[in-house]
Amino acid sequence: TQTRSGYFEVADGGTIFLDEVGELPLTTQVRLLRVLENG
């Protein structure tokens, strides 16, 4: 119903701890790889 900011937007300039990262779906892994490569 409204626009929502995700963790990567909220934590800009900080640290994100991804616990149990092995449980991520493959589609989400592709998005995460792009964040790691060029932010």
ModelCIF file with pLDDT and N, C-alpha, C, O atoms, coordinates in Angstrom:
data_MODEL
#
_entry.id   MODEL 
#
_entity.id                         1 
_entity.type                       polymer 
_entity.pdbx_number_of_molecules   1 
#
_entity_poly.entity_id                      1 
_entity_poly.type                           'polypeptide(L)' 
_entity_poly.nstd_linkage                   no 
_entity_poly.nstd_monomer                   no 
_entity_poly.pdbx_seq_one_letter_code       TQTRSGYFEVADGGTIFLDEVGELPLTTQVRLLRVLENG 
_entity_poly.pdbx_seq_one_letter_code_can   TQTRSGYFEVADGGTIFLDEVGELPLTTQVRLLRVLENG 
_entity_poly.pdbx_strand_id                 A 
#
loop_
_entity_poly_seq.entity_id 
_entity_poly_seq.num 
_entity_poly_seq.mon_id 
_entity_poly_seq.hetero 
1 1  THR n 
1 2  GLN n 
1 3  THR n 
1 4  ARG n 
1 5  SER n 
1 6  GLY n 
1 7  TYR n 
1 8  PHE n 
1 9  GLU n 
1 10 VAL n 
1 11 ALA n 
1 12 ASP n 
1 13 GLY n 
1 14 GLY n 
1 15 THR n 
1 16 ILE n 
1 17 PHE n 
1 18 LEU n 
1 19 ASP n 
1 20 GLU n 
1 21 VAL n 
1 22 GLY n 
1 23 GLU n 
1 24 LEU n 
1 25 PRO n 
1 26 LEU n 
1 27 THR n 
1 28 THR n 
1 29 GLN n 
1 30 VAL n 
1 31 ARG n 
1 32 LEU n 
1 33 LEU n 
1 34 ARG n 
1 35 VAL n 
1 36 LEU n 
1 37 GLU n 
1 38 ASN n 
1 39 GLY n 
#
_struct_asym.id          A 
_struct_asym.entity_id   1 
#
loop_
_ma_qa_metric.id 
_ma_qa_metric.mode 
_ma_qa_metric.name 
_ma_qa_metric.software_group_id 
_ma_qa_metric.type 
1 global pLDDT . pLDDT 
2 local  pLDDT . pLDDT 
#
_ma_qa_metric_global.metric_id      1 
_ma_qa_metric_global.metric_value   94.51 
_ma_qa_metric_global.model_id       1 
_ma_qa_metric_global.ordinal_id     1 
#
loop_
_ma_qa_metric_local.label_asym_id 
_ma_qa_metric_local.label_comp_id 
_ma_qa_metric_local.label_seq_id 
_ma_qa_metric_local.metric_id 
_ma_qa_metric_local.metric_value 
_ma_qa_metric_local.model_id 
_ma_qa_metric_local.ordinal_id 
A THR 1  2 89.00 1 1  
A GLN 2  2 92.00 1 2  
A THR 3  2 93.00 1 3  
A ARG 4  2 92.00 1 4  
A SER 5  2 94.00 1 5  
A GLY 6  2 95.00 1 6  
A TYR 7  2 96.00 1 7  
A PHE 8  2 96.00 1 8  
A GLU 9  2 95.00 1 9  
A VAL 10 2 95.00 1 10 
A ALA 11 2 95.00 1 11 
A ASP 12 2 95.00 1 12 
A GLY 13 2 95.00 1 13 
A GLY 14 2 96.00 1 14 
A THR 15 2 97.00 1 15 
A ILE 16 2 97.00 1 16 
A PHE 17 2 97.00 1 17 
A LEU 18 2 97.00 1 18 
A ASP 19 2 96.00 1 19 
A GLU 20 2 95.00 1 20 
A VAL 21 2 96.00 1 21 
A GLY 22 2 94.00 1 22 
A GLU 23 2 93.00 1 23 
A LEU 24 2 95.00 1 24 
A PRO 25 2 94.00 1 25 
A LEU 26 2 93.00 1 26 
A THR 27 2 93.00 1 27 
A THR 28 2 95.00 1 28 
A GLN 29 2 95.00 1 29 
A VAL 30 2 94.00 1 30 
A ARG 31 2 94.00 1 31 
A LEU 32 2 95.00 1 32 
A LEU 33 2 95.00 1 33 
A ARG 34 2 94.00 1 34 
A VAL 35 2 95.00 1 35 
A LEU 36 2 94.00 1 36 
A GLU 37 2 93.00 1 37 
A ASN 38 2 93.00 1 38 
A GLY 39 2 94.00 1 39 
#
loop_
_atom_site.group_PDB 
_atom_site.id 
_atom_site.type_symbol 
_atom_site.label_atom_id 
_atom_site.label_alt_id 
_atom_site.label_comp_id 
_atom_site.label_asym_id 
_atom_site.label_entity_id 
_atom_site.label_seq_id 
_atom_site.pdbx_PDB_ins_code 
_atom_site.Cartn_x 
_atom_site.Cartn_y 
_atom_site.Cartn_z 
_atom_site.occupancy 
_atom_site.B_iso_or_equiv 
_atom_site.pdbx_formal_charge 
_atom_site.auth_seq_id 
_atom_site.auth_comp_id 
_atom_site.auth_asym_id 
_atom_site.auth_atom_id 
_atom_site.pdbx_PDB_model_num 
ATOM 1   N N  . THR A 1 1  ? 0.811  -1.224  0.000  1.00 89.00 ? 1  THR A N  1 
ATOM 2   C CA . THR A 1 1  ? 0.000  0.000   0.000  1.00 89.00 ? 1  THR A CA 1 
ATOM 3   C C  . THR A 1 1  ? 0.837  1.264   0.000  1.00 89.00 ? 1  THR A C  1 
ATOM 4   O O  . THR A 1 1  ? 0.329  2.356   -0.256 1.00 89.00 ? 1  THR A O  1 
ATOM 5   N N  . GLN A 1 2  ? 2.124  1.113   0.289  1.00 92.00 ? 2  GLN A N  1 
ATOM 6   C CA . GLN A 1 2  ? 2.998  2.285   0.271  1.00 92.00 ? 2  GLN A CA 1 
ATOM 7   C C  . GLN A 1 2  ? 4.429  1.866   -0.026 1.00 92.00 ? 2  GLN A C  1 
ATOM 8   O O  . GLN A 1 2  ? 4.792  0.698   0.111  1.00 92.00 ? 2  GLN A O  1 
ATOM 9   N N  . THR A 1 3  ? 5.224  2.827   -0.429 1.00 93.00 ? 3  THR A N  1 
ATOM 10  C CA . THR A 1 3  ? 6.636  2.559   -0.727 1.00 93.00 ? 3  THR A CA 1 
ATOM 11  C C  . THR A 1 3  ? 7.383  2.244   0.564  1.00 93.00 ? 3  THR A C  1 
ATOM 12  O O  . THR A 1 3  ? 7.179  2.899   1.586  1.00 93.00 ? 3  THR A O  1 
ATOM 13  N N  . ARG A 1 4  ? 8.244  1.244   0.508  1.00 92.00 ? 4  ARG A N  1 
ATOM 14  C CA . ARG A 1 4  ? 8.995  0.818   1.703  1.00 92.00 ? 4  ARG A CA 1 
ATOM 15  C C  . ARG A 1 4  ? 10.483 0.728   1.386  1.00 92.00 ? 4  ARG A C  1 
ATOM 16  O O  . ARG A 1 4  ? 10.884 0.236   0.331  1.00 92.00 ? 4  ARG A O  1 
ATOM 17  N N  . SER A 1 5  ? 11.279 1.209   2.313  1.00 94.00 ? 5  SER A N  1 
ATOM 18  C CA . SER A 1 5  ? 12.737 1.128   2.175  1.00 94.00 ? 5  SER A CA 1 
ATOM 19  C C  . SER A 1 5  ? 13.220 -0.216  2.709  1.00 94.00 ? 5  SER A C  1 
ATOM 20  O O  . SER A 1 5  ? 12.769 -0.671  3.759  1.00 94.00 ? 5  SER A O  1 
ATOM 21  N N  . GLY A 1 6  ? 14.137 -0.847  1.985  1.00 95.00 ? 6  GLY A N  1 
ATOM 22  C CA . GLY A 1 6  ? 14.694 -2.123  2.421  1.00 95.00 ? 6  GLY A CA 1 
ATOM 23  C C  . GLY A 1 6  ? 15.888 -1.929  3.343  1.00 95.00 ? 6  GLY A C  1 
ATOM 24  O O  . GLY A 1 6  ? 16.329 -0.805  3.584  1.00 95.00 ? 6  GLY A O  1 
ATOM 25  N N  . TYR A 1 7  ? 16.401 -3.039  3.853  1.00 96.00 ? 7  TYR A N  1 
ATOM 26  C CA . TYR A 1 7  ? 17.526 -2.993  4.786  1.00 96.00 ? 7  TYR A CA 1 
ATOM 27  C C  . TYR A 1 7  ? 18.770 -2.373  4.162  1.00 96.00 ? 7  TYR A C  1 
ATOM 28  O O  . TYR A 1 7  ? 19.508 -1.655  4.837  1.00 96.00 ? 7  TYR A O  1 
ATOM 29  N N  . PHE A 1 8  ? 19.010 -2.640  2.887  1.00 96.00 ? 8  PHE A N  1 
ATOM 30  C CA . PHE A 1 8  ? 20.207 -2.095  2.248  1.00 96.00 ? 8  PHE A CA 1 
ATOM 31  C C  . PHE A 1 8  ? 20.118 -0.582  2.079  1.00 96.00 ? 8  PHE A C  1 
ATOM 32  O O  . PHE A 1 8  ? 21.141 0.102   2.058  1.00 96.00 ? 8  PHE A O  1 
ATOM 33  N N  . GLU A 1 9  ? 18.913 -0.063  1.961  1.00 95.00 ? 9  GLU A N  1 
ATOM 34  C CA . GLU A 1 9  ? 18.758 1.385   1.868  1.00 95.00 ? 9  GLU A CA 1 
ATOM 35  C C  . GLU A 1 9  ? 18.862 2.032   3.248  1.00 95.00 ? 9  GLU A C  1 
ATOM 36  O O  . GLU A 1 9  ? 19.469 3.093   3.392  1.00 95.00 ? 9  GLU A O  1 
ATOM 37  N N  . VAL A 1 10 ? 18.276 1.402   4.255  1.00 95.00 ? 10 VAL A N  1 
ATOM 38  C CA . VAL A 1 10 ? 18.289 1.946   5.615  1.00 95.00 ? 10 VAL A CA 1 
ATOM 39  C C  . VAL A 1 10 ? 19.696 1.905   6.206  1.00 95.00 ? 10 VAL A C  1 
ATOM 40  O O  . VAL A 1 10 ? 20.103 2.828   6.912  1.00 95.00 ? 10 VAL A O  1 
ATOM 41  N N  . ALA A 1 11 ? 20.440 0.830   5.916  1.00 95.00 ? 11 ALA A N  1 
ATOM 42  C CA . ALA A 1 11 ? 21.769 0.647   6.514  1.00 95.00 ? 11 ALA A CA 1 
ATOM 43  C C  . ALA A 1 11 ? 22.870 1.299   5.706  1.00 95.00 ? 11 ALA A C  1 
ATOM 44  O O  . ALA A 1 11 ? 24.040 0.970   5.902  1.00 95.00 ? 11 ALA A O  1 
ATOM 45  N N  . ASP A 1 12 ? 22.541 2.209   4.807  1.00 95.00 ? 12 ASP A N  1 
ATOM 46  C CA . ASP A 1 12 ? 23.557 2.889   3.996  1.00 95.00 ? 12 ASP A CA 1 
ATOM 47  C C  . ASP A 1 12 ? 24.591 3.560   4.898  1.00 95.00 ? 12 ASP A C  1 
ATOM 48  O O  . ASP A 1 12 ? 24.244 4.379   5.749  1.00 95.00 ? 12 ASP A O  1 
ATOM 49  N N  . GLY A 1 13 ? 25.861 3.208   4.707  1.00 95.00 ? 13 GLY A N  1 
ATOM 50  C CA . GLY A 1 13 ? 26.932 3.728   5.548  1.00 95.00 ? 13 GLY A CA 1 
ATOM 51  C C  . GLY A 1 13 ? 27.215 2.880   6.766  1.00 95.00 ? 13 GLY A C  1 
ATOM 52  O O  . GLY A 1 13 ? 28.126 3.190   7.534  1.00 95.00 ? 13 GLY A O  1 
ATOM 53  N N  . GLY A 1 14 ? 26.451 1.811   6.960  1.00 96.00 ? 14 GLY A N  1 
ATOM 54  C CA . GLY A 1 14 ? 26.635 0.947   8.122  1.00 96.00 ? 14 GLY A CA 1 
ATOM 55  C C  . GLY A 1 14 ? 26.997 -0.475  7.733  1.00 96.00 ? 14 GLY A C  1 
ATOM 56  O O  . GLY A 1 14 ? 27.678 -0.712  6.735  1.00 96.00 ? 14 GLY A O  1 
ATOM 57  N N  . THR A 1 15 ? 26.520 -1.430  8.554  1.00 97.00 ? 15 THR A N  1 
ATOM 58  C CA . THR A 1 15 ? 26.852 -2.847  8.368  1.00 97.00 ? 15 THR A CA 1 
ATOM 59  C C  . THR A 1 15 ? 25.578 -3.677  8.390  1.00 97.00 ? 15 THR A C  1 
ATOM 60  O O  . THR A 1 15 ? 24.688 -3.441  9.207  1.00 97.00 ? 15 THR A O  1 
ATOM 61  N N  . ILE A 1 16 ? 25.495 -4.644  7.495  1.00 97.00 ? 16 ILE A N  1 
ATOM 62  C CA . ILE A 1 16 ? 24.387 -5.608  7.489  1.00 97.00 ? 16 ILE A CA 1 
ATOM 63  C C  . ILE A 1 16 ? 24.955 -6.995  7.775  1.00 97.00 ? 16 ILE A C  1 
ATOM 64  O O  . ILE A 1 16 ? 25.903 -7.445  7.132  1.00 97.00 ? 16 ILE A O  1 
ATOM 65  N N  . PHE A 1 17 ? 24.347 -7.659  8.762  1.00 97.00 ? 17 PHE A N  1 
ATOM 66  C CA . PHE A 1 17 ? 24.730 -9.027  9.100  1.00 97.00 ? 17 PHE A CA 1 
ATOM 67  C C  . PHE A 1 17 ? 23.664 -9.966  8.558  1.00 97.00 ? 17 PHE A C  1 
ATOM 68  O O  . PHE A 1 17 ? 22.526 -9.952  9.026  1.00 97.00 ? 17 PHE A O  1 
ATOM 69  N N  . LEU A 1 18 ? 24.027 -10.782 7.574  1.00 97.00 ? 18 LEU A N  1 
ATOM 70  C CA . LEU A 1 18 ? 23.107 -11.742 6.951  1.00 97.00 ? 18 LEU A CA 1 
ATOM 71  C C  . LEU A 1 18 ? 23.330 -13.110 7.577  1.00 97.00 ? 18 LEU A C  1 
ATOM 72  O O  . LEU A 1 18 ? 24.208 -13.865 7.159  1.00 97.00 ? 18 LEU A O  1 
ATOM 73  N N  . ASP A 1 19 ? 22.521 -13.415 8.588  1.00 96.00 ? 19 ASP A N  1 
ATOM 74  C CA . ASP A 1 19 ? 22.631 -14.711 9.258  1.00 96.00 ? 19 ASP A CA 1 
ATOM 75  C C  . ASP A 1 19 ? 21.917 -15.778 8.428  1.00 96.00 ? 19 ASP A C  1 
ATOM 76  O O  . ASP A 1 19 ? 20.903 -15.498 7.789  1.00 96.00 ? 19 ASP A O  1 
ATOM 77  N N  . GLU A 1 20 ? 22.451 -17.000 8.442  1.00 95.00 ? 20 GLU A N  1 
ATOM 78  C CA . GLU A 1 20 ? 21.906 -18.112 7.648  1.00 95.00 ? 20 GLU A CA 1 
ATOM 79  C C  . GLU A 1 20 ? 21.807 -17.728 6.172  1.00 95.00 ? 20 GLU A C  1 
ATOM 80  O O  . GLU A 1 20 ? 20.772 -17.937 5.541  1.00 95.00 ? 20 GLU A O  1 
ATOM 81  N N  . VAL A 1 21 ? 22.878 -17.170 5.630  1.00 96.00 ? 21 VAL A N  1 
ATOM 82  C CA . VAL A 1 21 ? 22.872 -16.720 4.236  1.00 96.00 ? 21 VAL A CA 1 
ATOM 83  C C  . VAL A 1 21 ? 22.722 -17.888 3.265  1.00 96.00 ? 21 VAL A C  1 
ATOM 84  O O  . VAL A 1 21 ? 22.323 -17.687 2.118  1.00 96.00 ? 21 VAL A O  1 
ATOM 85  N N  . GLY A 1 22 ? 23.035 -19.101 3.707  1.00 94.00 ? 22 GLY A N  1 
ATOM 86  C CA . GLY A 1 22 ? 22.885 -20.272 2.847  1.00 94.00 ? 22 GLY A CA 1 
ATOM 87  C C  . GLY A 1 22 ? 21.444 -20.610 2.527  1.00 94.00 ? 22 GLY A C  1 
ATOM 88  O O  . GLY A 1 22 ? 21.179 -21.421 1.640  1.00 94.00 ? 22 GLY A O  1 
ATOM 89  N N  . GLU A 1 23 ? 20.490 -19.986 3.253  1.00 93.00 ? 23 GLU A N  1 
ATOM 90  C CA . GLU A 1 23 ? 19.068 -20.239 3.011  1.00 93.00 ? 23 GLU A CA 1 
ATOM 91  C C  . GLU A 1 23 ? 18.463 -19.278 2.003  1.00 93.00 ? 23 GLU A C  1 
ATOM 92  O O  . GLU A 1 23 ? 17.271 -19.377 1.710  1.00 93.00 ? 23 GLU A O  1 
ATOM 93  N N  . LEU A 1 24 ? 19.241 -18.356 1.465  1.00 95.00 ? 24 LEU A N  1 
ATOM 94  C CA . LEU A 1 24 ? 18.702 -17.383 0.515  1.00 95.00 ? 24 LEU A CA 1 
ATOM 95  C C  . LEU A 1 24 ? 18.244 -18.064 -0.769 1.00 95.00 ? 24 LEU A C  1 
ATOM 96  O O  . LEU A 1 24 ? 18.932 -18.962 -1.253 1.00 95.00 ? 24 LEU A O  1 
ATOM 97  N N  . PRO A 1 25 ? 17.100 -17.666 -1.340 1.00 94.00 ? 25 PRO A N  1 
ATOM 98  C CA . PRO A 1 25 ? 16.679 -18.198 -2.644 1.00 94.00 ? 25 PRO A CA 1 
ATOM 99  C C  . PRO A 1 25 ? 17.665 -17.768 -3.736 1.00 94.00 ? 25 PRO A C  1 
ATOM 100 O O  . PRO A 1 25 ? 18.357 -16.761 -3.590 1.00 94.00 ? 25 PRO A O  1 
ATOM 101 N N  . LEU A 1 26 ? 17.724 -18.521 -4.808 1.00 93.00 ? 26 LEU A N  1 
ATOM 102 C CA . LEU A 1 26 ? 18.671 -18.250 -5.892 1.00 93.00 ? 26 LEU A CA 1 
ATOM 103 C C  . LEU A 1 26 ? 18.421 -16.884 -6.537 1.00 93.00 ? 26 LEU A C  1 
ATOM 104 O O  . LEU A 1 26 ? 19.370 -16.198 -6.916 1.00 93.00 ? 26 LEU A O  1 
ATOM 105 N N  . THR A 1 27 ? 17.144 -16.484 -6.664 1.00 93.00 ? 27 THR A N  1 
ATOM 106 C CA . THR A 1 27 ? 16.857 -15.173 -7.269 1.00 93.00 ? 27 THR A CA 1 
ATOM 107 C C  . THR A 1 27 ? 17.391 -14.042 -6.401 1.00 93.00 ? 27 THR A C  1 
ATOM 108 O O  . THR A 1 27 ? 17.901 -13.047 -6.915 1.00 93.00 ? 27 THR A O  1 
ATOM 109 N N  . THR A 1 28 ? 17.276 -14.194 -5.097 1.00 95.00 ? 28 THR A N  1 
ATOM 110 C CA . THR A 1 28 ? 17.799 -13.170 -4.177 1.00 95.00 ? 28 THR A CA 1 
ATOM 111 C C  . THR A 1 28 ? 19.324 -13.162 -4.192 1.00 95.00 ? 28 THR A C  1 
ATOM 112 O O  . THR A 1 28 ? 19.938 -12.110 -4.019 1.00 95.00 ? 28 THR A O  1 
ATOM 113 N N  . GLN A 1 29 ? 19.938 -14.325 -4.395 1.00 95.00 ? 29 GLN A N  1 
ATOM 114 C CA . GLN A 1 29 ? 21.395 -14.402 -4.464 1.00 95.00 ? 29 GLN A CA 1 
ATOM 115 C C  . GLN A 1 29 ? 21.929 -13.576 -5.628 1.00 95.00 ? 29 GLN A C  1 
ATOM 116 O O  . GLN A 1 29 ? 22.995 -12.968 -5.523 1.00 95.00 ? 29 GLN A O  1 
ATOM 117 N N  . VAL A 1 30 ? 21.193 -13.552 -6.737 1.00 94.00 ? 30 VAL A N  1 
ATOM 118 C CA . VAL A 1 30 ? 21.610 -12.759 -7.900 1.00 94.00 ? 30 VAL A CA 1 
ATOM 119 C C  . VAL A 1 30 ? 21.598 -11.273 -7.545 1.00 94.00 ? 30 VAL A C  1 
ATOM 120 O O  . VAL A 1 30 ? 22.528 -10.544 -7.889 1.00 94.00 ? 30 VAL A O  1 
ATOM 121 N N  . ARG A 1 31 ? 20.551 -10.827 -6.859 1.00 94.00 ? 31 ARG A N  1 
ATOM 122 C CA . ARG A 1 31 ? 20.464 -9.420  -6.443 1.00 94.00 ? 31 ARG A CA 1 
ATOM 123 C C  . ARG A 1 31 ? 21.588 -9.068  -5.465 1.00 94.00 ? 31 ARG A C  1 
ATOM 124 O O  . ARG A 1 31 ? 22.199 -8.003  -5.562 1.00 94.00 ? 31 ARG A O  1 
ATOM 125 N N  . LEU A 1 32 ? 21.848 -9.976  -4.525 1.00 95.00 ? 32 LEU A N  1 
ATOM 126 C CA . LEU A 1 32 ? 22.901 -9.727  -3.536 1.00 95.00 ? 32 LEU A CA 1 
ATOM 127 C C  . LEU A 1 32 ? 24.276 -9.656  -4.198 1.00 95.00 ? 32 LEU A C  1 
ATOM 128 O O  . LEU A 1 32 ? 25.120 -8.856  -3.795 1.00 95.00 ? 32 LEU A O  1 
ATOM 129 N N  . LEU A 1 33 ? 24.498 -10.485 -5.204 1.00 95.00 ? 33 LEU A N  1 
ATOM 130 C CA . LEU A 1 33 ? 25.773 -10.470 -5.927 1.00 95.00 ? 33 LEU A CA 1 
ATOM 131 C C  . LEU A 1 33 ? 26.007 -9.117  -6.579 1.00 95.00 ? 33 LEU A C  1 
ATOM 132 O O  . LEU A 1 33 ? 27.136 -8.627  -6.608 1.00 95.00 ? 33 LEU A O  1 
ATOM 133 N N  . ARG A 1 34 ? 24.950 -8.510  -7.103 1.00 94.00 ? 34 ARG A N  1 
ATOM 134 C CA . ARG A 1 34 ? 25.088 -7.194  -7.738 1.00 94.00 ? 34 ARG A CA 1 
ATOM 135 C C  . ARG A 1 34 ? 25.438 -6.119  -6.711 1.00 94.00 ? 34 ARG A C  1 
ATOM 136 O O  . ARG A 1 34 ? 26.218 -5.211  -6.998 1.00 94.00 ? 34 ARG A O  1 
ATOM 137 N N  . VAL A 1 35 ? 24.858 -6.224  -5.514 1.00 95.00 ? 35 VAL A N  1 
ATOM 138 C CA . VAL A 1 35 ? 25.182 -5.268  -4.445 1.00 95.00 ? 35 VAL A CA 1 
ATOM 139 C C  . VAL A 1 35 ? 26.653 -5.392  -4.059 1.00 95.00 ? 35 VAL A C  1 
ATOM 140 O O  . VAL A 1 35 ? 27.334 -4.390  -3.845 1.00 95.00 ? 35 VAL A O  1 
ATOM 141 N N  . LEU A 1 36 ? 27.132 -6.628  -3.971 1.00 94.00 ? 36 LEU A N  1 
ATOM 142 C CA . LEU A 1 36 ? 28.533 -6.841  -3.599 1.00 94.00 ? 36 LEU A CA 1 
ATOM 143 C C  . LEU A 1 36 ? 29.488 -6.349  -4.678 1.00 94.00 ? 36 LEU A C  1 
ATOM 144 O O  . LEU A 1 36 ? 30.581 -5.875  -4.367 1.00 94.00 ? 36 LEU A O  1 
ATOM 145 N N  . GLU A 1 37 ? 29.092 -6.454  -5.932 1.00 93.00 ? 37 GLU A N  1 
ATOM 146 C CA . GLU A 1 37 ? 29.979 -6.087  -7.031 1.00 93.00 ? 37 GLU A CA 1 
ATOM 147 C C  . GLU A 1 37 ? 30.085 -4.570  -7.212 1.00 93.00 ? 37 GLU A C  1 
ATOM 148 O O  . GLU A 1 37 ? 31.187 -4.037  -7.341 1.00 93.00 ? 37 GLU A O  1 
ATOM 149 N N  . ASN A 1 38 ? 28.940 -3.873  -7.223 1.00 93.00 ? 38 ASN A N  1 
ATOM 150 C CA . ASN A 1 38 ? 28.997 -2.423  -7.498 1.00 93.00 ? 38 ASN A CA 1 
ATOM 151 C C  . ASN A 1 38 ? 28.106 -1.579  -6.600 1.00 93.00 ? 38 ASN A C  1 
ATOM 152 O O  . ASN A 1 38 ? 27.928 -0.388  -6.853 1.00 93.00 ? 38 ASN A O  1 
ATOM 153 N N  . GLY A 1 39 ? 27.540 -2.185  -5.545 1.00 94.00 ? 39 GLY A N  1 
ATOM 154 C CA . GLY A 1 39 ? 26.733 -1.418  -4.616 1.00 94.00 ? 39 GLY A CA 1 
ATOM 155 C C  . GLY A 1 39 ? 25.401 -0.958  -5.168 1.00 94.00 ? 39 GLY A C  1 
ATOM 156 O O  . GLY A 1 39 ? 24.635 -0.299  -4.464 1.00 94.00 ? 39 GLY A O  1 
#
